[in-house]
Amino acid sequence: MITTVTTVTTITTFAVLGLTGAISIATVVLLRLFLTTKELAGASRLGFSLRIAKFVSVGILPLVMVFAVIVAMKIVGVLA
């Protein structure tokens, strides 16, 4: 019984860590994509490009906040 519980706990822990890693990678990739798109669209003076830059700006702040939490949790993990 103890072996089964330990095995299930270990598998669950690895699954959660895998999901957390995937979400972290997706967040960082999306943040980089939004920042690059904003820079490139903002460099142009066309109306459509400026609208794209404004549209992308909406998602940048939440992604920066999530990125800060990811970095903070990695630092806490290293120090603990």
N, C-alpha and C. Protein backbone atom coordinates (compact mmCIF):
# COMPACT_ATOMS: atom_id res chain seq x y z
N MET A 1 0.82 -1.19 0.00
CA MET A 1 0.00 0.00 0.00
C MET A 1 0.87 1.26 0.00
N ILE A 2 1.90 1.29 0.84
CA ILE A 2 2.77 2.46 0.92
C ILE A 2 3.51 2.65 -0.40
N THR A 3 3.92 1.56 -1.02
CA THR A 3 4.62 1.65 -2.29
C THR A 3 3.73 2.25 -3.36
N THR A 4 2.46 1.86 -3.39
CA THR A 4 1.52 2.39 -4.37
C THR A 4 1.32 3.88 -4.18
N VAL A 5 1.15 4.31 -2.93
CA VAL A 5 0.95 5.74 -2.65
C VAL A 5 2.19 6.53 -3.03
N THR A 6 3.35 6.01 -2.72
CA THR A 6 4.60 6.69 -3.06
C THR A 6 4.76 6.80 -4.57
N THR A 7 4.45 5.74 -5.29
CA THR A 7 4.55 5.75 -6.75
C THR A 7 3.59 6.76 -7.36
N VAL A 8 2.36 6.77 -6.89
CA VAL A 8 1.37 7.72 -7.41
C VAL A 8 1.78 9.15 -7.10
N THR A 9 2.29 9.40 -5.92
CA THR A 9 2.73 10.74 -5.54
C THR A 9 3.89 11.19 -6.42
N THR A 10 4.83 10.30 -6.68
CA THR A 10 5.98 10.63 -7.52
C THR A 10 5.54 10.93 -8.94
N ILE A 11 4.66 10.13 -9.49
CA ILE A 11 4.18 10.34 -10.86
C ILE A 11 3.41 11.65 -10.94
N THR A 12 2.57 11.94 -9.95
CA THR A 12 1.82 13.19 -9.94
C THR A 12 2.74 14.39 -9.85
N THR A 13 3.77 14.30 -9.04
CA THR A 13 4.73 15.40 -8.91
C THR A 13 5.43 15.67 -10.24
N PHE A 14 5.88 14.63 -10.93
CA PHE A 14 6.53 14.82 -12.22
C PHE A 14 5.57 15.38 -13.25
N ALA A 15 4.32 14.95 -13.22
CA ALA A 15 3.32 15.47 -14.17
C ALA A 15 3.08 16.95 -13.93
N VAL A 16 2.97 17.37 -12.68
CA VAL A 16 2.74 18.78 -12.36
C VAL A 16 3.95 19.62 -12.75
N LEU A 17 5.16 19.12 -12.47
CA LEU A 17 6.36 19.85 -12.86
C LEU A 17 6.46 19.97 -14.37
N GLY A 18 6.06 18.93 -15.09
CA GLY A 18 6.07 18.99 -16.54
C GLY A 18 5.09 20.01 -17.08
N LEU A 19 3.90 20.08 -16.48
CA LEU A 19 2.90 21.05 -16.89
C LEU A 19 3.36 22.46 -16.56
N THR A 20 3.96 22.65 -15.40
CA THR A 20 4.47 23.96 -15.02
C THR A 20 5.57 24.41 -15.97
N GLY A 21 6.45 23.52 -16.33
CA GLY A 21 7.51 23.85 -17.27
C GLY A 21 6.96 24.22 -18.64
N ALA A 22 5.96 23.49 -19.09
CA ALA A 22 5.36 23.78 -20.39
C ALA A 22 4.68 25.14 -20.39
N ILE A 23 3.97 25.45 -19.32
CA ILE A 23 3.31 26.75 -19.22
C ILE A 23 4.35 27.87 -19.14
N SER A 24 5.43 27.64 -18.41
CA SER A 24 6.49 28.64 -18.32
C SER A 24 7.12 28.92 -19.68
N ILE A 25 7.42 27.87 -20.41
CA ILE A 25 8.01 28.04 -21.74
C ILE A 25 7.05 28.75 -22.67
N ALA A 26 5.78 28.36 -22.64
CA ALA A 26 4.79 29.00 -23.51
C ALA A 26 4.65 30.48 -23.17
N THR A 27 4.69 30.82 -21.89
CA THR A 27 4.57 32.22 -21.48
C THR A 27 5.74 33.04 -21.98
N VAL A 28 6.94 32.52 -21.83
CA VAL A 28 8.14 33.25 -22.26
C VAL A 28 8.14 33.41 -23.79
N VAL A 29 7.78 32.38 -24.51
CA VAL A 29 7.74 32.45 -25.97
C VAL A 29 6.69 33.48 -26.42
N LEU A 30 5.53 33.45 -25.81
CA LEU A 30 4.47 34.40 -26.16
C LEU A 30 4.87 35.83 -25.83
N LEU A 31 5.53 36.03 -24.69
CA LEU A 31 5.99 37.37 -24.32
C LEU A 31 7.00 37.89 -25.34
N ARG A 32 7.94 37.06 -25.71
CA ARG A 32 8.94 37.48 -26.72
C ARG A 32 8.28 37.78 -28.05
N LEU A 33 7.29 36.98 -28.44
CA LEU A 33 6.58 37.20 -29.69
C LEU A 33 5.83 38.54 -29.65
N PHE A 34 5.14 38.82 -28.54
CA PHE A 34 4.40 40.08 -28.41
C PHE A 34 5.34 41.28 -28.42
N LEU A 35 6.45 41.19 -27.69
CA LEU A 35 7.40 42.31 -27.65
C LEU A 35 8.02 42.57 -29.02
N THR A 36 8.36 41.51 -29.73
CA THR A 36 8.94 41.66 -31.07
C THR A 36 7.91 42.25 -32.02
N THR A 37 6.69 41.76 -31.96
CA THR A 37 5.63 42.27 -32.83
C THR A 37 5.36 43.74 -32.56
N LYS A 38 5.33 44.12 -31.29
CA LYS A 38 5.10 45.52 -30.94
C LYS A 38 6.21 46.42 -31.48
N GLU A 39 7.45 45.98 -31.33
CA GLU A 39 8.58 46.79 -31.83
C GLU A 39 8.52 46.94 -33.34
N LEU A 40 8.29 45.84 -34.04
CA LEU A 40 8.27 45.91 -35.49
C LEU A 40 7.07 46.69 -36.01
N ALA A 41 5.91 46.51 -35.41
CA ALA A 41 4.72 47.23 -35.84
C ALA A 41 4.80 48.70 -35.46
N GLY A 42 5.40 49.01 -34.33
CA GLY A 42 5.53 50.40 -33.90
C GLY A 42 6.53 51.18 -34.71
N ALA A 43 7.43 50.52 -35.39
CA ALA A 43 8.44 51.21 -36.19
C ALA A 43 7.83 51.79 -37.46
N SER A 44 6.74 51.21 -37.91
CA SER A 44 6.08 51.70 -39.11
C SER A 44 5.09 52.80 -38.73
N ARG A 45 4.79 53.67 -39.66
CA ARG A 45 3.84 54.75 -39.41
C ARG A 45 2.49 54.49 -40.06
N LEU A 46 2.27 53.31 -40.56
CA LEU A 46 0.99 52.97 -41.17
C LEU A 46 -0.06 52.78 -40.08
N GLY A 47 -1.29 53.13 -40.38
CA GLY A 47 -2.38 53.01 -39.41
C GLY A 47 -2.60 51.58 -38.94
N PHE A 48 -2.52 50.64 -39.88
CA PHE A 48 -2.73 49.24 -39.53
C PHE A 48 -1.64 48.74 -38.59
N SER A 49 -0.41 49.13 -38.85
CA SER A 49 0.71 48.70 -37.99
C SER A 49 0.58 49.28 -36.58
N LEU A 50 0.16 50.53 -36.50
CA LEU A 50 -0.03 51.14 -35.18
C LEU A 50 -1.16 50.47 -34.41
N ARG A 51 -2.22 50.05 -35.11
CA ARG A 51 -3.31 49.32 -34.45
C ARG A 51 -2.82 47.97 -33.93
N ILE A 52 -1.99 47.30 -34.70
CA ILE A 52 -1.43 46.02 -34.25
C ILE A 52 -0.56 46.25 -33.01
N ALA A 53 0.25 47.30 -33.02
CA ALA A 53 1.10 47.59 -31.86
C ALA A 53 0.26 47.86 -30.62
N LYS A 54 -0.85 48.59 -30.77
CA LYS A 54 -1.75 48.85 -29.63
C LYS A 54 -2.40 47.56 -29.15
N PHE A 55 -2.84 46.74 -30.09
CA PHE A 55 -3.51 45.49 -29.75
C PHE A 55 -2.59 44.55 -28.98
N VAL A 56 -1.35 44.45 -29.40
CA VAL A 56 -0.38 43.56 -28.76
C VAL A 56 0.01 44.09 -27.38
N SER A 57 -0.01 45.42 -27.22
CA SER A 57 0.36 46.02 -25.93
C SER A 57 -0.55 45.58 -24.79
N VAL A 58 -1.79 45.24 -25.12
CA VAL A 58 -2.75 44.82 -24.09
C VAL A 58 -2.27 43.55 -23.39
N GLY A 59 -1.66 42.64 -24.11
CA GLY A 59 -1.25 41.36 -23.52
C GLY A 59 0.12 41.36 -22.89
N ILE A 60 0.88 42.42 -23.08
CA ILE A 60 2.27 42.42 -22.60
C ILE A 60 2.34 42.51 -21.08
N LEU A 61 1.59 43.39 -20.46
CA LEU A 61 1.67 43.56 -19.01
C LEU A 61 1.33 42.28 -18.24
N PRO A 62 0.23 41.59 -18.55
CA PRO A 62 -0.02 40.33 -17.84
C PRO A 62 1.08 39.29 -18.03
N LEU A 63 1.64 39.23 -19.24
CA LEU A 63 2.72 38.27 -19.48
C LEU A 63 3.98 38.65 -18.72
N VAL A 64 4.26 39.94 -18.60
CA VAL A 64 5.42 40.38 -17.81
C VAL A 64 5.21 40.01 -16.34
N MET A 65 3.99 40.15 -15.84
CA MET A 65 3.71 39.78 -14.45
C MET A 65 3.90 38.28 -14.24
N VAL A 66 3.43 37.47 -15.17
CA VAL A 66 3.61 36.02 -15.07
C VAL A 66 5.09 35.67 -15.15
N PHE A 67 5.83 36.35 -16.02
CA PHE A 67 7.27 36.12 -16.13
C PHE A 67 7.97 36.45 -14.82
N ALA A 68 7.56 37.54 -14.17
CA ALA A 68 8.16 37.91 -12.88
C ALA A 68 7.88 36.84 -11.82
N VAL A 69 6.68 36.29 -11.82
CA VAL A 69 6.35 35.22 -10.87
C VAL A 69 7.19 33.98 -11.16
N ILE A 70 7.37 33.65 -12.43
CA ILE A 70 8.18 32.48 -12.79
C ILE A 70 9.61 32.67 -12.31
N VAL A 71 10.17 33.85 -12.54
CA VAL A 71 11.55 34.12 -12.11
C VAL A 71 11.65 34.07 -10.59
N ALA A 72 10.67 34.65 -9.90
CA ALA A 72 10.68 34.63 -8.43
C ALA A 72 10.62 33.20 -7.90
N MET A 73 9.78 32.37 -8.51
CA MET A 73 9.67 30.98 -8.05
C MET A 73 10.95 30.19 -8.34
N LYS A 74 11.60 30.48 -9.45
CA LYS A 74 12.88 29.81 -9.74
C LYS A 74 13.95 30.23 -8.72
N ILE A 75 13.97 31.51 -8.36
CA ILE A 75 14.93 31.98 -7.35
C ILE A 75 14.65 31.34 -6.01
N VAL A 76 13.37 31.27 -5.62
CA VAL A 76 13.02 30.63 -4.35
C VAL A 76 13.40 29.15 -4.38
N GLY A 77 13.21 28.50 -5.52
CA GLY A 77 13.58 27.10 -5.64
C GLY A 77 15.09 26.87 -5.49
N VAL A 78 15.87 27.79 -6.01
CA VAL A 78 17.33 27.67 -5.90
C VAL A 78 17.78 27.93 -4.47
N LEU A 79 17.19 28.93 -3.84
CA LEU A 79 17.59 29.28 -2.47
C LEU A 79 17.09 28.29 -1.41
N ALA A 80 16.01 27.59 -1.71
CA ALA A 80 15.43 26.68 -0.71
C ALA A 80 16.15 25.35 -0.68
